[in-house]
Amino acid sequence: MKRQRGRARVALAGAAALCAVAALPGQSWAAGRPSPYAFEAEAKPVKGTPVNINGPELTAGSAYKDSIKPGEKRYYRVNLDARSNAYVSAVAVPRLGTKVTYADQLEVSIENGSGTECSDGEARFGSAAYPRPVADYASRRIEKDNSSCQEAGAYYVLLERDSDAASTTEPWDVELRFASEPALKSAGPTAAPEGWPSASPAVPAGGPQQRHGGTSFHDSTSLKQGEWQDSIKPGETLFYRVPVDWGQQIFVRADLANSPSGDAAKSVGNALVLALHNPARGFVDDESGMYYDGKQKSVSLDPLPPVRYENRYDSDSATSAMRFAGWYYLSVTLSPEIEEAYGGNAVPLTLRVNVKGDAKAAPAYAGPAGDFRVTEDDQAAAESGASAQEAAKSDTMMLVAVGGLGAGTVLVLGLGVWTLLARRRQPVDAAPAACSVPGQGGPQGPAQGVGHAPAQGYGYGQYGPPPGQ
């Protein structure tokens, strides 16, 4: 009898876990304006200080959330050893409807105990001056011939927001992440390769498939090589991620279809921004030179080198950023000015992703590579379209189920989970029914969708359906 009650409790727990899939952070239905960026549920709130030694400590592998006003400086502390490379990224998230200009940027830098700057990065809007998430990182890199920023001890991360007088003065939300890269067992080459293939590849085989982007780095949709169809609304930013292993190259092209509203006399400059960030969320490259007149247009990232450890020694910033294997993040933003000229309906979008080259052996790291590798699970996520957020939830549910269910039941539960995950990557036009757990009092709060939740996108209102639906 006790065993039966135990199994019943586990079954209820498994059902509750399935409901949790329908209510993943950043994917639930909510009243009011949509959230512009789905911060990690585990992101720790912090408040940087104007004095460096008083700054809150950041730990490797963790995410943090803060905010910053124009002209402010915010310090944080990281404790580093004398062997590992350190990367601290900052994602600036202006609110919807605010104004930014070419001069607006968020600078992130790392300083040692003597106030010497180790490196800096700038998250900027450039010529596409409209609000959207922008990101870059600063690093502390161990270098044989460098005499500064090599010692172990306390280092200080500094955020500075530069703002134009014409820009909105509202605070920007900021997501911080600290990643550590292990040292090599022995020193390797310190010069980046000079030549690499740069010819654009052919259109990926297999035909178009539908997959809907996420709202942030945290819930970005996994893609493999292929042709991916989606739809995007004015002012919206969609996030995707692609596993790129050592020795491989990534090529990306974005096609914006003709407007469903028809042609208009007005042409919108910088209509679409296609951006790429590396596994530490450092800026690699972007392209925004699209003039949209209601007819189909396309933009492509410039050819990038194969992923190599030695790329970090190149003076070109885009080449240097292709320094480690792992998930490379794509973001696509449609200018909010499109709404004025063509209305607020979603415009069909196609991403063509090529990953060229066979995977090479990883460098001989002295410790676990962490984020800087491509695993079999990563390849499976790219195949299915699962995000890191979904994969983590799925792992949790499986652990719950295995605690008391038979192998056959676990298999059925697992299939149910992945069915739900597949469904929730598609846009929907109405909120699904509430999730309930048998014997637990019916619906668990407001209705939670197992589909992609339009109310949480970086845009206005619901997503339109993908092409063909």
Protein backbone atom coordinates (compact mmCIF):
# COMPACT_ATOMS: atom_id res chain seq x y z
CA MET A 1 0.00 0.00 0.00
CA LYS A 2 2.83 2.41 0.87
CA ARG A 3 4.53 1.52 -2.40
CA GLN A 4 1.34 2.32 -4.35
CA ARG A 5 0.96 5.68 -2.58
CA GLY A 6 4.62 6.42 -3.31
CA ARG A 7 4.16 5.66 -6.98
CA ALA A 8 1.04 7.82 -7.05
CA ARG A 9 2.99 10.73 -5.56
CA VAL A 10 5.72 10.28 -8.19
CA ALA A 11 3.12 10.15 -10.96
CA LEU A 12 1.62 13.39 -9.67
CA ALA A 13 5.07 14.91 -9.51
CA GLY A 14 5.69 13.86 -13.10
CA ALA A 15 2.38 15.42 -14.17
CA ALA A 16 3.27 18.60 -12.31
CA ALA A 17 6.59 18.61 -14.08
CA LEU A 18 4.81 18.41 -17.40
CA CYS A 19 2.77 21.44 -16.37
CA ALA A 20 6.02 23.18 -15.57
CA VAL A 21 6.98 22.85 -19.23
CA ALA A 22 3.88 24.81 -20.12
CA ALA A 23 4.87 27.57 -17.70
CA LEU A 24 8.58 27.98 -18.35
CA PRO A 25 9.90 31.42 -17.38
CA GLY A 26 9.62 33.90 -20.21
CA GLN A 27 7.02 31.78 -22.02
CA SER A 28 3.84 32.30 -20.02
CA TRP A 29 0.83 34.38 -20.96
CA ALA A 30 0.54 37.68 -19.15
CA ALA A 31 -1.60 40.78 -19.31
CA GLY A 32 -0.23 44.08 -20.54
CA ARG A 33 2.78 44.83 -22.69
CA PRO A 34 5.18 42.03 -23.53
CA SER A 35 8.45 41.62 -21.72
CA PRO A 36 11.29 42.68 -24.02
CA TYR A 37 13.82 40.09 -22.88
CA ALA A 38 13.48 36.78 -21.04
CA PHE A 39 16.11 36.96 -18.32
CA GLU A 40 17.20 33.68 -16.80
CA ALA A 41 14.93 32.61 -13.97
CA GLU A 42 18.09 31.92 -11.94
CA ALA A 43 19.62 35.35 -12.68
CA LYS A 44 20.58 36.89 -9.34
CA PRO A 45 19.61 40.53 -8.75
CA VAL A 46 22.68 42.64 -7.95
CA LYS A 47 23.42 46.34 -7.64
CA GLY A 48 26.78 47.52 -8.87
CA THR A 49 28.45 50.28 -6.88
CA PRO A 50 30.30 53.46 -7.91
CA VAL A 51 33.31 52.40 -5.79
CA ASN A 52 35.11 49.32 -7.08
CA ILE A 53 36.02 47.64 -3.78
CA ASN A 54 32.37 47.72 -2.68
CA GLY A 55 31.04 45.99 -5.77
CA PRO A 56 29.09 42.71 -5.42
CA GLU A 57 31.00 39.53 -6.32
CA LEU A 58 30.20 37.63 -9.51
CA THR A 59 30.93 33.90 -9.69
CA ALA A 60 31.74 31.86 -12.80
CA GLY A 61 28.81 30.12 -14.46
CA SER A 62 26.19 32.41 -12.92
CA ALA A 63 23.93 35.08 -14.43
CA TYR A 64 23.04 38.39 -12.81
CA LYS A 65 20.56 41.19 -13.42
CA ASP A 66 21.06 44.90 -12.77
CA SER A 67 20.07 48.22 -14.35
CA ILE A 68 21.99 51.34 -15.31
CA LYS A 69 21.13 55.00 -16.02
CA PRO A 70 22.83 57.37 -18.46
CA GLY A 71 26.27 58.43 -17.24
CA GLU A 72 26.35 55.87 -14.44
CA LYS A 73 29.30 53.68 -13.53
CA ARG A 74 28.72 50.33 -11.82
CA TYR A 75 31.46 48.09 -10.40
CA TYR A 76 31.44 44.37 -9.62
CA ARG A 77 34.17 42.07 -8.33
CA VAL A 78 35.51 38.79 -9.73
CA ASN A 79 38.18 36.66 -8.08
CA LEU A 80 40.52 35.15 -10.67
CA ASP A 81 43.37 32.65 -10.58
CA ALA A 82 46.61 33.01 -12.53
CA ARG A 83 45.82 30.33 -15.15
CA SER A 84 42.26 30.68 -16.48
CA ASN A 85 40.88 33.11 -19.01
CA ALA A 86 37.85 35.05 -17.79
CA TYR A 87 34.97 36.60 -19.75
CA VAL A 88 32.26 38.86 -18.38
CA SER A 89 29.46 39.70 -20.80
CA ALA A 90 26.84 42.41 -20.51
CA VAL A 91 23.51 42.50 -22.35
CA ALA A 92 21.87 45.94 -22.44
CA VAL A 93 18.07 45.85 -22.75
CA PRO A 94 16.41 49.22 -23.40
CA ARG A 95 12.68 49.32 -22.89
CA LEU A 96 10.23 49.24 -25.77
CA GLY A 97 9.28 52.63 -27.13
CA THR A 98 12.38 54.39 -25.81
CA LYS A 99 14.81 56.32 -27.98
CA VAL A 100 18.45 55.47 -28.62
CA THR A 101 20.97 57.02 -31.00
CA TYR A 102 24.22 56.07 -32.68
CA ALA A 103 26.13 57.45 -29.66
CA ASP A 104 24.39 55.24 -27.10
CA GLN A 105 26.37 52.26 -25.85
CA LEU A 106 27.13 50.13 -22.81
CA GLU A 107 30.83 49.63 -22.19
CA VAL A 108 32.06 46.69 -20.13
CA SER A 109 35.68 46.44 -18.97
CA ILE A 110 37.82 44.46 -16.53
CA GLU A 111 40.46 46.17 -14.36
CA ASN A 112 43.11 44.71 -12.08
CA GLY A 113 43.83 45.84 -8.54
CA SER A 114 46.07 48.66 -9.82
CA GLY A 115 43.34 50.12 -12.01
CA THR A 116 44.90 48.85 -15.26
CA GLU A 117 42.31 47.95 -17.86
CA CYS A 118 42.71 44.34 -19.04
CA SER A 119 40.24 44.69 -21.93
CA ASP A 120 36.91 46.23 -22.80
CA GLY A 121 33.92 45.69 -25.06
CA GLU A 122 31.15 47.93 -26.31
CA ALA A 123 27.51 46.91 -26.74
CA ARG A 124 26.29 49.49 -29.23
CA PHE A 125 23.40 50.16 -31.61
CA GLY A 126 25.37 51.67 -34.48
CA SER A 127 23.50 53.00 -37.48
CA ALA A 128 20.42 50.88 -36.65
CA ALA A 129 19.50 53.25 -33.82
CA TYR A 130 16.42 51.69 -32.33
CA PRO A 131 15.96 49.86 -29.00
CA ARG A 132 16.91 46.17 -28.96
CA PRO A 133 19.11 43.89 -26.83
CA VAL A 134 22.82 44.51 -27.58
CA ALA A 135 25.74 42.68 -25.97
CA ASP A 136 29.51 42.34 -25.73
CA TYR A 137 32.14 41.12 -23.25
CA ALA A 138 35.42 42.06 -21.60
CA SER A 139 38.12 39.50 -20.87
CA ARG A 140 41.14 38.80 -18.72
CA ARG A 141 43.41 36.62 -20.86
CA ILE A 142 46.52 34.82 -19.68
CA GLU A 143 49.33 35.69 -22.09
CA LYS A 144 52.94 34.59 -21.89
CA ASP A 145 54.41 37.95 -22.94
CA ASN A 146 52.01 40.20 -21.03
CA SER A 147 53.08 41.67 -17.70
CA SER A 148 49.71 43.09 -16.58
CA CYS A 149 46.46 41.37 -15.58
CA GLN A 150 48.24 38.02 -15.14
CA GLU A 151 48.28 37.64 -11.37
CA ALA A 152 45.69 35.92 -9.20
CA GLY A 153 43.45 38.05 -7.04
CA ALA A 154 40.55 40.48 -7.12
CA TYR A 155 39.59 42.10 -10.43
CA TYR A 156 36.86 44.63 -11.04
CA VAL A 157 34.20 44.67 -13.76
CA LEU A 158 33.07 48.15 -14.75
CA LEU A 159 29.87 49.02 -16.62
CA GLU A 160 29.53 52.51 -18.11
CA ARG A 161 26.55 53.79 -20.04
CA ASP A 162 27.22 56.50 -22.61
CA SER A 163 24.10 58.28 -23.78
CA ASP A 164 23.24 61.02 -26.24
CA ALA A 165 21.36 64.06 -24.99
CA ALA A 166 18.50 63.24 -27.37
CA SER A 167 18.07 59.71 -25.99
CA THR A 168 15.55 58.53 -23.43
CA THR A 169 16.94 58.70 -19.89
CA GLU A 170 15.11 55.62 -18.57
CA PRO A 171 17.36 52.92 -17.03
CA TRP A 172 18.42 49.98 -19.15
CA ASP A 173 18.12 46.51 -17.71
CA VAL A 174 21.42 44.62 -17.85
CA GLU A 175 22.17 40.89 -17.82
CA LEU A 176 25.69 39.95 -16.66
CA ARG A 177 27.37 36.56 -17.07
CA PHE A 178 30.81 35.44 -15.95
CA ALA A 179 32.40 32.52 -17.83
CA SER A 180 35.79 30.93 -17.15
CA GLU A 181 37.90 29.16 -19.78
CA PRO A 182 40.54 26.71 -18.50
CA ALA A 183 44.20 27.08 -19.36
CA LEU A 184 45.94 24.81 -21.85
CA LYS A 185 48.09 21.96 -20.58
CA SER A 186 50.95 23.29 -22.66
CA ALA A 187 51.50 26.43 -24.71
CA GLY A 188 50.36 26.31 -28.34
CA PRO A 189 50.67 28.57 -31.40
CA THR A 190 50.19 32.29 -30.74
CA ALA A 191 49.52 33.43 -34.30
CA ALA A 192 46.14 33.24 -36.03
CA PRO A 193 46.05 31.44 -39.39
CA GLU A 194 46.24 33.93 -42.27
CA GLY A 195 44.20 32.08 -44.88
CA TRP A 196 40.83 30.35 -44.70
CA PRO A 197 37.91 29.57 -47.07
CA SER A 198 35.69 32.60 -47.63
CA ALA A 199 33.44 31.56 -50.53
CA SER A 200 29.75 31.63 -49.65
CA PRO A 201 28.25 28.13 -49.58
CA ALA A 202 25.25 26.91 -51.52
CA VAL A 203 21.74 27.02 -50.09
CA PRO A 204 21.40 24.31 -47.42
CA ALA A 205 19.78 21.12 -48.65
CA GLY A 206 16.59 19.66 -47.24
CA GLY A 207 14.13 22.44 -47.97
CA PRO A 208 12.60 24.98 -45.57
CA GLN A 209 11.51 24.01 -42.08
CA GLN A 210 9.67 26.07 -39.48
CA ARG A 211 11.22 27.00 -36.16
CA HIS A 212 10.35 30.02 -34.00
CA GLY A 213 13.04 32.12 -32.32
CA GLY A 214 13.28 32.81 -28.60
CA THR A 215 13.33 36.16 -26.81
CA SER A 216 16.85 36.11 -25.32
CA PHE A 217 20.18 34.31 -25.16
CA HIS A 218 18.68 32.20 -22.38
CA ASP A 219 15.78 30.78 -24.38
CA SER A 220 17.26 31.01 -27.87
CA THR A 221 16.00 28.36 -30.28
CA SER A 222 18.55 25.73 -31.33
CA LEU A 223 19.27 25.38 -35.04
CA LYS A 224 21.45 23.10 -37.13
CA GLN A 225 22.50 23.67 -40.71
CA GLY A 226 19.41 24.28 -42.79
CA GLU A 227 16.81 26.70 -44.09
CA TRP A 228 14.56 27.94 -41.29
CA GLN A 229 11.30 29.84 -41.67
CA ASP A 230 9.85 32.14 -39.05
CA SER A 231 7.98 35.44 -38.83
CA ILE A 232 8.96 38.67 -37.07
CA LYS A 233 7.02 41.77 -36.03
CA PRO A 234 8.22 45.37 -36.10
CA GLY A 235 10.44 46.11 -33.07
CA GLU A 236 10.83 42.42 -32.25
CA THR A 237 14.12 40.61 -31.62
CA LEU A 238 14.34 36.84 -32.11
CA PHE A 239 17.22 34.71 -30.80
CA TYR A 240 18.65 31.45 -32.15
CA ARG A 241 21.77 29.41 -31.40
CA VAL A 242 23.90 27.10 -33.56
CA PRO A 243 26.56 24.63 -32.33
CA VAL A 244 29.87 25.31 -34.08
CA ASP A 245 32.74 22.96 -33.25
CA TRP A 246 36.51 23.39 -33.53
CA GLY A 247 37.55 23.82 -37.17
CA GLN A 248 34.05 24.62 -38.41
CA GLN A 249 32.79 27.77 -40.12
CA ILE A 250 29.36 29.35 -39.81
CA PHE A 251 27.65 31.24 -42.64
CA VAL A 252 24.32 33.01 -42.12
CA ARG A 253 21.90 34.80 -44.43
CA ALA A 254 18.55 36.34 -43.46
CA ASP A 255 15.78 36.89 -46.03
CA LEU A 256 12.89 39.21 -45.24
CA ALA A 257 9.90 38.39 -47.43
CA ASN A 258 7.68 40.93 -49.16
CA SER A 259 5.30 42.69 -46.80
CA PRO A 260 1.88 41.03 -46.40
CA SER A 261 0.49 44.59 -46.48
CA GLY A 262 1.87 45.18 -49.97
CA ASP A 263 4.36 47.73 -51.27
CA ALA A 264 4.56 51.22 -49.83
CA ALA A 265 6.10 54.43 -51.07
CA LYS A 266 8.32 54.69 -48.01
CA SER A 267 11.64 52.85 -47.87
CA VAL A 268 12.91 51.98 -44.38
CA GLY A 269 16.68 52.09 -43.86
CA ASN A 270 18.49 49.68 -41.53
CA ALA A 271 15.29 47.66 -41.57
CA LEU A 272 16.78 44.40 -40.27
CA VAL A 273 19.72 43.71 -37.97
CA LEU A 274 21.38 40.28 -38.13
CA ALA A 275 23.94 39.81 -35.34
CA LEU A 276 26.23 36.99 -34.19
CA HIS A 277 27.70 36.45 -30.70
CA ASN A 278 30.10 33.75 -29.53
CA PRO A 279 29.61 31.20 -26.71
CA ALA A 280 30.73 33.75 -24.08
CA ARG A 281 28.22 36.22 -25.60
CA GLY A 282 30.96 38.37 -27.05
CA PHE A 283 30.05 40.35 -30.14
CA VAL A 284 31.33 38.81 -33.38
CA ASP A 285 29.70 40.69 -36.25
CA ASP A 286 26.44 42.18 -37.49
CA GLU A 287 24.83 43.42 -40.67
CA SER A 288 22.08 46.04 -40.88
CA GLY A 289 22.42 47.59 -44.34
CA MET A 290 18.96 46.64 -45.59
CA TYR A 291 16.60 49.13 -47.21
CA TYR A 292 13.11 47.66 -47.15
CA ASP A 293 10.48 48.83 -49.62
CA GLY A 294 7.94 46.07 -49.13
CA LYS A 295 9.75 43.72 -51.49
CA GLN A 296 11.87 40.75 -50.47
CA LYS A 297 15.36 41.68 -49.27
CA SER A 298 18.29 39.82 -47.73
CA VAL A 299 21.39 40.44 -45.60
CA SER A 300 24.36 38.17 -44.90
CA LEU A 301 27.13 38.14 -42.35
CA ASP A 302 30.60 38.58 -43.80
CA PRO A 303 32.51 35.28 -44.12
CA LEU A 304 34.11 34.30 -40.81
CA PRO A 305 37.12 32.05 -40.15
CA PRO A 306 36.89 28.50 -38.84
CA VAL A 307 36.75 28.25 -35.06
CA ARG A 308 40.31 28.00 -33.77
CA TYR A 309 41.96 28.66 -30.42
CA GLU A 310 44.64 30.78 -32.13
CA ASN A 311 42.07 33.20 -33.55
CA ARG A 312 42.23 35.11 -30.27
CA TYR A 313 45.62 36.46 -31.27
CA ASP A 314 44.28 38.16 -34.41
CA SER A 315 43.96 41.96 -34.44
CA ASP A 316 40.63 41.79 -36.28
CA SER A 317 37.86 41.74 -33.68
CA ALA A 318 35.52 39.45 -35.63
CA THR A 319 38.28 36.90 -36.23
CA SER A 320 39.42 37.12 -32.61
CA ALA A 321 35.88 36.42 -31.40
CA MET A 322 35.83 33.06 -33.25
CA ARG A 323 38.12 31.66 -30.55
CA PHE A 324 36.24 28.75 -29.08
CA ALA A 325 33.73 26.02 -29.89
CA GLY A 326 30.22 26.00 -28.48
CA TRP A 327 26.87 27.65 -29.09
CA TYR A 328 27.01 30.68 -31.38
CA TYR A 329 24.04 32.99 -30.93
CA LEU A 330 22.10 34.68 -33.74
CA SER A 331 19.72 37.56 -33.17
CA VAL A 332 17.40 39.17 -35.72
CA THR A 333 15.65 42.50 -35.11
CA LEU A 334 13.05 44.14 -37.35
CA SER A 335 12.99 47.94 -37.19
CA PRO A 336 9.96 49.41 -35.39
CA GLU A 337 9.67 51.90 -38.29
CA ILE A 338 8.32 49.06 -40.42
CA GLU A 339 5.04 49.35 -38.52
CA GLU A 340 4.50 52.96 -39.63
CA ALA A 341 5.07 52.13 -43.29
CA TYR A 342 3.59 48.62 -43.55
CA GLY A 343 1.51 48.02 -40.44
CA GLY A 344 2.17 45.87 -37.39
CA ASN A 345 1.68 42.45 -38.98
CA ALA A 346 4.49 39.93 -38.81
CA VAL A 347 6.70 39.64 -41.88
CA PRO A 348 7.88 36.17 -43.01
CA LEU A 349 11.58 35.60 -42.26
CA THR A 350 13.96 32.93 -43.53
CA LEU A 351 17.35 32.10 -42.01
CA ARG A 352 19.82 30.11 -44.08
CA VAL A 353 22.50 28.58 -41.87
CA ASN A 354 25.54 26.70 -43.14
CA VAL A 355 28.11 25.02 -40.91
CA LYS A 356 31.07 23.97 -43.05
CA GLY A 357 33.95 21.66 -42.22
CA ASP A 358 34.48 18.57 -40.10
CA ALA A 359 34.90 18.96 -36.36
CA LYS A 360 38.54 18.99 -35.26
CA ALA A 361 40.13 17.90 -32.00
CA ALA A 362 39.70 20.35 -29.13
CA PRO A 363 42.75 22.08 -27.66
CA ALA A 364 44.30 20.32 -24.68
CA TYR A 365 42.53 22.15 -21.90
CA ALA A 366 43.83 21.60 -18.37
CA GLY A 367 40.28 21.32 -17.05
CA PRO A 368 36.64 20.92 -18.13
CA ALA A 369 35.85 23.02 -21.21
CA GLY A 370 32.43 24.03 -19.87
CA ASP A 371 30.58 26.20 -22.40
CA PHE A 372 33.45 26.00 -24.87
CA ARG A 373 32.70 22.67 -26.55
CA VAL A 374 30.01 20.93 -28.60
CA THR A 375 28.51 17.78 -27.08
CA GLU A 376 26.21 15.06 -28.40
CA ASP A 377 23.42 16.62 -26.35
CA ASP A 378 24.06 19.95 -28.10
CA GLN A 379 23.75 18.28 -31.48
CA ALA A 380 20.52 16.61 -30.37
CA ALA A 381 19.14 19.97 -29.21
CA ALA A 382 20.01 21.52 -32.59
CA GLU A 383 18.21 18.63 -34.28
CA SER A 384 15.04 18.99 -32.18
CA GLY A 385 15.00 22.77 -31.74
CA ALA A 386 15.12 22.62 -27.94
CA SER A 387 16.62 25.57 -26.10
CA ALA A 388 18.98 25.29 -23.14
CA GLN A 389 16.06 26.26 -20.92
CA GLU A 390 13.94 23.41 -22.24
CA ALA A 391 16.76 20.88 -22.00
CA ALA A 392 17.30 21.76 -18.35
CA LYS A 393 13.59 21.39 -17.58
CA SER A 394 13.48 18.07 -19.40
CA ASP A 395 16.43 16.72 -17.39
CA THR A 396 14.70 17.71 -14.15
CA MET A 397 11.49 15.97 -15.11
CA MET A 398 13.29 12.79 -16.06
CA LEU A 399 15.02 12.68 -12.68
CA VAL A 400 11.66 13.07 -10.96
CA ALA A 401 10.11 10.33 -13.05
CA VAL A 402 12.95 7.85 -12.66
CA GLY A 403 12.57 8.05 -8.88
CA GLY A 404 9.51 5.85 -8.88
CA LEU A 405 8.22 4.99 -12.31
CA GLY A 406 8.94 1.96 -14.43
CA ALA A 407 11.04 2.22 -17.58
CA GLY A 408 8.00 2.04 -19.86
CA THR A 409 6.22 4.86 -18.05
CA VAL A 410 9.40 6.97 -18.11
CA LEU A 411 9.60 6.46 -21.87
CA VAL A 412 5.99 7.58 -22.33
CA LEU A 413 6.58 10.58 -20.08
CA GLY A 414 9.70 11.47 -22.01
CA LEU A 415 7.88 11.30 -25.33
CA GLY A 416 5.14 13.49 -23.91
CA VAL A 417 7.70 16.04 -22.76
CA TRP A 418 9.36 16.29 -26.15
CA THR A 419 5.97 16.53 -27.87
CA LEU A 420 5.12 19.48 -25.66
CA LEU A 421 8.51 21.05 -26.28
CA ALA A 422 8.07 20.70 -30.02
CA ARG A 423 4.62 22.30 -29.87
CA ARG A 424 5.72 25.22 -27.71
CA ARG A 425 8.34 26.27 -30.27
CA GLN A 426 5.52 27.18 -32.67
CA PRO A 427 3.67 30.53 -32.50
CA VAL A 428 0.03 30.37 -31.48
CA ASP A 429 -2.85 32.81 -31.84
CA ALA A 430 -4.74 32.02 -28.66
CA ALA A 431 -3.90 30.93 -25.16
CA PRO A 432 -4.28 27.16 -24.65
CA ALA A 433 -6.30 25.66 -21.85
CA ALA A 434 -5.00 25.67 -18.30
CA CYS A 435 -2.79 22.84 -17.13
CA SER A 436 -4.13 20.70 -14.30
CA VAL A 437 -2.74 17.90 -12.21
CA PRO A 438 -5.11 15.00 -11.44
CA GLY A 439 -6.25 15.14 -7.88
CA GLN A 440 -4.53 18.47 -7.23
CA GLY A 441 -7.43 20.86 -7.41
CA GLY A 442 -7.77 21.51 -11.12
CA PRO A 443 -6.09 24.33 -13.01
CA GLN A 444 -2.87 25.68 -11.51
CA GLY A 445 -3.42 29.39 -11.78
CA PRO A 446 -3.91 31.25 -15.07
CA ALA A 447 -3.80 29.49 -18.38
CA GLN A 448 -0.31 28.45 -19.41
CA GLY A 449 0.56 27.68 -23.00
CA VAL A 450 2.66 24.84 -24.26
CA GLY A 451 3.15 26.77 -27.47
CA HIS A 452 5.49 29.74 -27.91
CA ALA A 453 3.99 32.60 -25.91
CA PRO A 454 3.46 35.71 -28.03
CA ALA A 455 3.06 37.95 -24.99
CA GLN A 456 6.72 37.59 -24.10
CA GLY A 457 8.36 38.61 -27.37
CA TYR A 458 10.58 41.63 -27.92
CA GLY A 459 7.89 43.36 -29.94
CA TYR A 460 4.34 44.59 -29.90
CA GLY A 461 1.44 42.14 -29.48
CA GLN A 462 1.28 38.60 -30.72
CA TYR A 463 3.55 36.97 -33.21
CA GLY A 464 2.05 36.32 -36.59
CA PRO A 465 2.00 32.77 -37.89
CA PRO A 466 5.08 31.44 -39.66
CA PRO A 467 4.97 31.27 -43.44
CA GLY A 468 2.76 28.51 -44.72
CA GLN A 469 0.52 28.37 -41.70
